[in-house]
């Protein structure tokens, strides 16, 4: 049974930092590209960042470039999202997801095979 378990969310002030973790089990982790999505109330689930199976290639949505860093530790079956200089507009539930699809499919939720349950990130102004 595949499980993706996120942790590290919480309440932080504007300008603060959080590090999200997503521990994967029940799958061959190195065969999956990984992504972080976020969903604010009343809005769609949007991609924040994605990473190749090796970690050599990453993608970021423009709004988080220079502030967020996605990484992975294949020995620990874990993907991370380091979030710095947080803004109130970063407030959302953050989800990690695993994909066996091509890189071109990673921009939308349908491009992922498995999802975590989400972790809340709240940035106060």
N, C-alpha and C. Protein backbone atom coordinates (compact mmCIF):
# COMPACT_ATOMS: atom_id res chain seq x y z
N UNK A 1 0.84 -1.19 0.00
CA UNK A 1 0.00 0.00 0.00
C UNK A 1 0.88 1.24 0.00
N UNK A 2 0.64 2.10 -0.98
CA UNK A 2 1.43 3.32 -1.09
C UNK A 2 0.94 4.35 -0.08
N UNK A 3 1.90 4.96 0.59
CA UNK A 3 1.58 6.05 1.52
C UNK A 3 2.55 7.19 1.33
N UNK A 4 2.01 8.40 1.29
CA UNK A 4 2.79 9.63 1.31
C UNK A 4 2.32 10.41 2.52
N UNK A 5 3.25 10.69 3.43
CA UNK A 5 2.87 11.34 4.68
C UNK A 5 3.64 12.65 4.83
N UNK A 6 2.90 13.75 4.77
CA UNK A 6 3.52 15.07 4.92
C UNK A 6 3.62 15.47 6.38
N UNK A 7 4.61 16.29 6.67
CA UNK A 7 4.76 16.85 8.01
C UNK A 7 5.49 18.18 7.89
N UNK A 8 5.47 18.95 8.97
CA UNK A 8 6.24 20.19 9.00
C UNK A 8 5.44 21.46 8.83
N UNK A 9 4.15 21.33 8.57
CA UNK A 9 3.34 22.52 8.44
C UNK A 9 3.12 23.20 9.78
N UNK A 10 2.51 24.38 9.73
CA UNK A 10 2.23 25.09 10.97
C UNK A 10 1.93 26.55 10.72
N UNK A 11 1.96 27.31 11.80
CA UNK A 11 1.70 28.75 11.76
C UNK A 11 3.02 29.49 11.88
N UNK A 12 3.24 30.44 10.98
CA UNK A 12 4.47 31.21 10.98
C UNK A 12 4.16 32.65 10.59
N UNK A 13 4.98 33.56 11.05
CA UNK A 13 4.80 34.97 10.70
C UNK A 13 5.37 35.26 9.32
N UNK A 14 4.91 36.34 8.73
CA UNK A 14 5.46 36.78 7.45
C UNK A 14 6.98 36.91 7.55
N UNK A 15 7.66 36.38 6.54
CA UNK A 15 9.11 36.40 6.53
C UNK A 15 9.76 35.18 7.15
N UNK A 16 8.97 34.36 7.79
CA UNK A 16 9.50 33.17 8.45
C UNK A 16 9.74 32.02 7.49
N UNK A 17 10.16 30.90 8.06
CA UNK A 17 10.50 29.72 7.26
C UNK A 17 9.84 28.47 7.83
N UNK A 18 9.59 27.53 6.95
CA UNK A 18 9.12 26.20 7.32
C UNK A 18 9.77 25.20 6.38
N UNK A 19 9.96 23.98 6.88
CA UNK A 19 10.45 22.90 6.04
C UNK A 19 9.44 21.76 6.08
N UNK A 20 8.85 21.51 4.93
CA UNK A 20 7.91 20.40 4.81
C UNK A 20 8.66 19.14 4.41
N UNK A 21 8.21 18.02 4.95
CA UNK A 21 8.75 16.72 4.58
C UNK A 21 7.62 15.83 4.10
N UNK A 22 7.96 14.92 3.21
CA UNK A 22 6.98 13.94 2.71
C UNK A 22 7.69 12.59 2.67
N UNK A 23 7.28 11.70 3.55
CA UNK A 23 7.87 10.36 3.62
C UNK A 23 7.03 9.39 2.81
N UNK A 24 7.67 8.69 1.89
CA UNK A 24 6.97 7.76 1.01
C UNK A 24 7.25 6.32 1.41
N UNK A 25 6.25 5.48 1.28
CA UNK A 25 6.42 4.06 1.53
C UNK A 25 5.51 3.28 0.59
N UNK A 26 5.87 2.01 0.37
CA UNK A 26 5.04 1.16 -0.47
C UNK A 26 5.26 1.36 -1.96
N UNK A 27 6.28 2.11 -2.34
CA UNK A 27 6.58 2.31 -3.75
C UNK A 27 8.09 2.34 -3.94
N UNK A 28 8.51 2.13 -5.20
CA UNK A 28 9.92 2.21 -5.52
C UNK A 28 10.24 3.69 -5.75
N UNK A 29 10.67 4.35 -4.71
CA UNK A 29 10.74 5.80 -4.67
C UNK A 29 11.54 6.39 -5.82
N UNK A 30 12.63 5.76 -6.20
CA UNK A 30 13.50 6.36 -7.21
C UNK A 30 12.92 6.27 -8.62
N UNK A 31 11.78 5.61 -8.77
CA UNK A 31 11.15 5.60 -10.09
C UNK A 31 10.10 6.68 -10.23
N UNK A 32 9.92 7.48 -9.16
CA UNK A 32 8.89 8.50 -9.17
C UNK A 32 9.47 9.90 -9.17
N UNK A 33 8.91 10.74 -10.03
CA UNK A 33 9.10 12.18 -9.90
C UNK A 33 8.17 12.63 -8.76
N UNK A 34 8.56 13.68 -8.09
CA UNK A 34 7.78 14.15 -6.96
C UNK A 34 7.41 15.61 -7.13
N UNK A 35 6.24 15.95 -6.60
CA UNK A 35 5.80 17.33 -6.68
C UNK A 35 5.17 17.78 -5.37
N UNK A 36 5.21 19.08 -5.16
CA UNK A 36 4.47 19.73 -4.07
C UNK A 36 3.41 20.63 -4.69
N UNK A 37 2.19 20.46 -4.24
CA UNK A 37 1.06 21.29 -4.65
C UNK A 37 0.54 22.04 -3.42
N UNK A 38 -0.25 23.05 -3.66
CA UNK A 38 -0.94 23.73 -2.57
C UNK A 38 -2.34 24.12 -3.01
N UNK A 39 -3.22 24.18 -2.02
CA UNK A 39 -4.61 24.53 -2.29
C UNK A 39 -5.13 25.43 -1.17
N UNK A 40 -5.47 26.64 -1.56
CA UNK A 40 -6.06 27.59 -0.63
C UNK A 40 -7.58 27.43 -0.67
N UNK A 41 -8.30 27.86 0.37
CA UNK A 41 -9.76 27.71 0.40
C UNK A 41 -10.41 28.35 -0.82
N UNK A 42 -11.27 27.60 -1.48
CA UNK A 42 -12.00 28.11 -2.63
C UNK A 42 -11.20 28.18 -3.91
N UNK A 43 -9.97 27.67 -3.88
CA UNK A 43 -9.12 27.75 -5.07
C UNK A 43 -8.73 26.35 -5.52
N UNK A 44 -8.18 26.29 -6.72
CA UNK A 44 -7.74 25.01 -7.26
C UNK A 44 -6.41 24.60 -6.63
N UNK A 45 -6.13 23.31 -6.77
CA UNK A 45 -4.85 22.78 -6.31
C UNK A 45 -3.79 23.07 -7.38
N UNK A 46 -2.78 23.82 -7.01
CA UNK A 46 -1.77 24.27 -7.96
C UNK A 46 -0.39 23.72 -7.63
N UNK A 47 0.38 23.45 -8.68
CA UNK A 47 1.75 22.99 -8.49
C UNK A 47 2.61 24.12 -7.93
N UNK A 48 3.45 23.77 -6.98
CA UNK A 48 4.41 24.71 -6.41
C UNK A 48 5.81 24.38 -6.93
N UNK A 49 6.19 23.11 -6.86
CA UNK A 49 7.53 22.70 -7.27
C UNK A 49 7.51 21.22 -7.60
N UNK A 50 8.45 20.81 -8.44
CA UNK A 50 8.58 19.41 -8.81
C UNK A 50 10.05 19.06 -8.93
N UNK A 51 10.34 17.76 -8.81
CA UNK A 51 11.73 17.31 -8.85
C UNK A 51 11.81 15.96 -9.56
N UNK A 52 12.86 15.78 -10.33
CA UNK A 52 13.06 14.52 -11.05
C UNK A 52 13.44 13.42 -10.07
N UNK A 53 13.49 12.19 -10.57
CA UNK A 53 13.75 11.06 -9.69
C UNK A 53 15.14 11.15 -9.06
N UNK A 54 16.09 11.72 -9.80
CA UNK A 54 17.45 11.82 -9.29
C UNK A 54 17.69 13.08 -8.48
N UNK A 55 16.80 14.04 -8.61
CA UNK A 55 17.00 15.33 -7.96
C UNK A 55 17.78 16.32 -8.79
N UNK A 56 18.19 15.92 -9.97
CA UNK A 56 19.04 16.78 -10.79
C UNK A 56 18.26 17.89 -11.49
N UNK A 57 16.97 17.67 -11.63
CA UNK A 57 16.14 18.68 -12.28
C UNK A 57 15.00 19.09 -11.38
N UNK A 58 14.78 20.39 -11.30
CA UNK A 58 13.70 20.92 -10.49
C UNK A 58 12.92 21.97 -11.27
N UNK A 59 11.70 22.18 -10.82
CA UNK A 59 10.83 23.19 -11.43
C UNK A 59 10.12 23.94 -10.31
N UNK A 60 9.95 25.25 -10.48
CA UNK A 60 9.24 26.07 -9.52
C UNK A 60 8.26 26.98 -10.23
N UNK A 61 7.12 27.17 -9.62
CA UNK A 61 6.21 28.18 -10.12
C UNK A 61 6.83 29.55 -9.84
N UNK A 62 6.54 30.52 -10.68
CA UNK A 62 7.22 31.81 -10.59
C UNK A 62 7.07 32.46 -9.20
N UNK A 63 5.91 32.29 -8.59
CA UNK A 63 5.64 32.99 -7.33
C UNK A 63 6.51 32.52 -6.16
N UNK A 64 7.17 31.37 -6.30
CA UNK A 64 8.00 30.87 -5.21
C UNK A 64 9.48 30.80 -5.56
N UNK A 65 9.83 31.11 -6.79
CA UNK A 65 11.23 31.06 -7.19
C UNK A 65 12.08 31.97 -6.31
N UNK A 66 13.21 31.44 -5.87
CA UNK A 66 14.10 32.21 -5.00
C UNK A 66 13.74 32.13 -3.53
N UNK A 67 12.56 31.60 -3.21
CA UNK A 67 12.13 31.49 -1.81
C UNK A 67 12.00 30.03 -1.37
N UNK A 68 11.53 29.17 -2.26
CA UNK A 68 11.31 27.76 -1.93
C UNK A 68 12.36 26.89 -2.62
N UNK A 69 12.71 25.79 -1.97
CA UNK A 69 13.64 24.82 -2.54
C UNK A 69 13.09 23.41 -2.33
N UNK A 70 12.96 22.68 -3.43
CA UNK A 70 12.55 21.29 -3.36
C UNK A 70 13.79 20.41 -3.43
N UNK A 71 13.81 19.36 -2.65
CA UNK A 71 14.93 18.42 -2.66
C UNK A 71 14.41 17.05 -2.27
N UNK A 72 15.24 16.04 -2.46
CA UNK A 72 14.83 14.69 -2.09
C UNK A 72 16.04 13.91 -1.59
N UNK A 73 15.76 12.96 -0.70
CA UNK A 73 16.78 12.05 -0.20
C UNK A 73 16.28 10.65 -0.53
N UNK A 74 16.80 10.07 -1.59
CA UNK A 74 16.30 8.78 -2.03
C UNK A 74 16.65 7.65 -1.05
N UNK A 75 17.68 7.84 -0.25
CA UNK A 75 18.01 6.84 0.76
C UNK A 75 16.97 6.80 1.87
N UNK A 76 16.27 7.92 2.07
CA UNK A 76 15.25 8.02 3.11
C UNK A 76 13.84 8.01 2.55
N UNK A 77 13.71 7.88 1.23
CA UNK A 77 12.39 7.90 0.58
C UNK A 77 11.60 9.15 0.99
N UNK A 78 12.27 10.28 0.98
CA UNK A 78 11.66 11.51 1.46
C UNK A 78 11.93 12.67 0.51
N UNK A 79 10.92 13.50 0.33
CA UNK A 79 11.06 14.73 -0.44
C UNK A 79 10.78 15.89 0.50
N UNK A 80 11.47 16.99 0.28
CA UNK A 80 11.37 18.15 1.16
C UNK A 80 10.97 19.39 0.37
N UNK A 81 10.39 20.34 1.10
CA UNK A 81 10.14 21.66 0.54
C UNK A 81 10.55 22.67 1.60
N UNK A 82 11.69 23.31 1.37
CA UNK A 82 12.15 24.37 2.25
C UNK A 82 11.51 25.67 1.79
N UNK A 83 10.80 26.32 2.70
CA UNK A 83 10.07 27.54 2.36
C UNK A 83 10.60 28.69 3.20
N UNK A 84 11.19 29.66 2.54
CA UNK A 84 11.73 30.84 3.20
C UNK A 84 10.97 32.09 2.78
N UNK A 85 11.15 33.14 3.52
CA UNK A 85 10.51 34.43 3.21
C UNK A 85 9.02 34.25 2.94
N UNK A 86 8.36 33.56 3.81
CA UNK A 86 6.96 33.24 3.60
C UNK A 86 6.08 34.47 3.64
N UNK A 87 5.04 34.42 2.82
CA UNK A 87 4.09 35.52 2.68
C UNK A 87 2.69 35.01 3.02
N UNK A 88 1.79 35.92 3.40
CA UNK A 88 0.41 35.48 3.69
C UNK A 88 -0.22 34.73 2.52
N UNK A 89 0.12 35.09 1.29
CA UNK A 89 -0.45 34.41 0.13
C UNK A 89 0.07 32.99 -0.05
N UNK A 90 1.05 32.58 0.74
CA UNK A 90 1.51 31.19 0.72
C UNK A 90 0.62 30.30 1.59
N UNK A 91 -0.30 30.89 2.32
CA UNK A 91 -1.19 30.12 3.18
C UNK A 91 -2.04 29.16 2.36
N UNK A 92 -1.98 27.88 2.71
CA UNK A 92 -2.70 26.85 1.96
C UNK A 92 -2.45 25.50 2.63
N UNK A 93 -3.19 24.50 2.18
CA UNK A 93 -2.84 23.13 2.49
C UNK A 93 -1.84 22.66 1.43
N UNK A 94 -0.73 22.12 1.88
CA UNK A 94 0.33 21.67 0.97
C UNK A 94 0.30 20.15 0.87
N UNK A 95 0.34 19.67 -0.35
CA UNK A 95 0.27 18.24 -0.63
C UNK A 95 1.53 17.80 -1.39
N UNK A 96 2.06 16.65 -1.05
CA UNK A 96 3.08 16.06 -1.90
C UNK A 96 2.41 14.98 -2.76
N UNK A 97 3.02 14.72 -3.90
CA UNK A 97 2.47 13.78 -4.86
C UNK A 97 3.59 13.09 -5.61
N UNK A 98 3.31 11.87 -6.05
CA UNK A 98 4.29 11.05 -6.75
C UNK A 98 3.79 10.73 -8.15
N UNK A 99 4.71 10.79 -9.12
CA UNK A 99 4.30 10.61 -10.51
C UNK A 99 5.26 9.71 -11.27
N UNK A 100 4.65 8.85 -12.12
CA UNK A 100 5.43 8.08 -13.08
C UNK A 100 5.24 8.60 -14.50
N UNK A 101 4.52 9.69 -14.63
CA UNK A 101 4.24 10.25 -15.95
C UNK A 101 5.42 11.07 -16.45
N UNK A 102 5.33 11.50 -17.69
CA UNK A 102 6.41 12.30 -18.27
C UNK A 102 6.46 13.67 -17.62
N UNK A 103 7.58 14.33 -17.79
CA UNK A 103 7.77 15.66 -17.19
C UNK A 103 6.71 16.64 -17.66
N UNK A 104 6.25 16.47 -18.88
CA UNK A 104 5.25 17.40 -19.42
C UNK A 104 3.93 17.32 -18.68
N UNK A 105 3.70 16.23 -17.98
CA UNK A 105 2.42 16.04 -17.28
C UNK A 105 2.44 16.54 -15.85
N UNK A 106 3.58 16.99 -15.38
CA UNK A 106 3.73 17.26 -13.95
C UNK A 106 3.08 18.56 -13.48
N UNK A 107 2.60 19.37 -14.38
CA UNK A 107 2.07 20.66 -13.99
C UNK A 107 0.66 20.64 -13.46
N UNK A 108 -0.02 19.51 -13.59
CA UNK A 108 -1.42 19.43 -13.19
C UNK A 108 -1.63 18.22 -12.28
N UNK A 109 -2.64 18.28 -11.42
CA UNK A 109 -2.86 17.16 -10.48
C UNK A 109 -3.07 15.81 -11.16
N UNK A 110 -3.66 15.81 -12.35
CA UNK A 110 -3.91 14.53 -13.04
C UNK A 110 -2.63 13.86 -13.49
N UNK A 111 -1.50 14.54 -13.39
CA UNK A 111 -0.22 13.97 -13.77
C UNK A 111 0.46 13.20 -12.67
N UNK A 112 -0.25 12.92 -11.59
CA UNK A 112 0.34 12.25 -10.44
C UNK A 112 -0.47 11.02 -10.07
N UNK A 113 0.26 9.98 -9.63
CA UNK A 113 -0.37 8.71 -9.31
C UNK A 113 -0.86 8.67 -7.86
N UNK A 114 -0.09 9.25 -6.96
CA UNK A 114 -0.38 9.13 -5.53
C UNK A 114 -0.27 10.48 -4.85
N UNK A 115 -1.04 10.63 -3.77
CA UNK A 115 -1.11 11.90 -3.03
C UNK A 115 -1.01 11.65 -1.53
N UNK A 116 -0.43 12.63 -0.84
CA UNK A 116 -0.48 12.63 0.60
C UNK A 116 -1.77 13.26 1.09
N UNK A 117 -1.92 13.32 2.40
CA UNK A 117 -3.16 13.82 3.00
C UNK A 117 -3.13 15.34 3.18
N UNK A 118 -1.97 15.95 3.04
CA UNK A 118 -1.85 17.39 3.14
C UNK A 118 -1.43 17.86 4.51
N UNK A 119 -0.78 19.02 4.54
CA UNK A 119 -0.38 19.66 5.79
C UNK A 119 -0.65 21.15 5.65
N UNK A 120 -1.23 21.73 6.70
CA UNK A 120 -1.64 23.14 6.66
C UNK A 120 -0.45 24.05 6.92
N UNK A 121 -0.31 25.05 6.08
CA UNK A 121 0.66 26.12 6.29
C UNK A 121 -0.11 27.43 6.37
N UNK A 122 0.07 28.14 7.47
CA UNK A 122 -0.60 29.42 7.68
C UNK A 122 0.45 30.48 7.96
N UNK A 123 0.43 31.54 7.15
CA UNK A 123 1.38 32.63 7.31
C UNK A 123 0.60 33.86 7.76
N UNK A 124 0.91 34.35 8.94
CA UNK A 124 0.19 35.50 9.48
C UNK A 124 0.90 36.79 9.08
N UNK A 125 0.09 37.81 8.89
CA UNK A 125 0.64 39.11 8.46
C UNK A 125 0.98 39.98 9.66
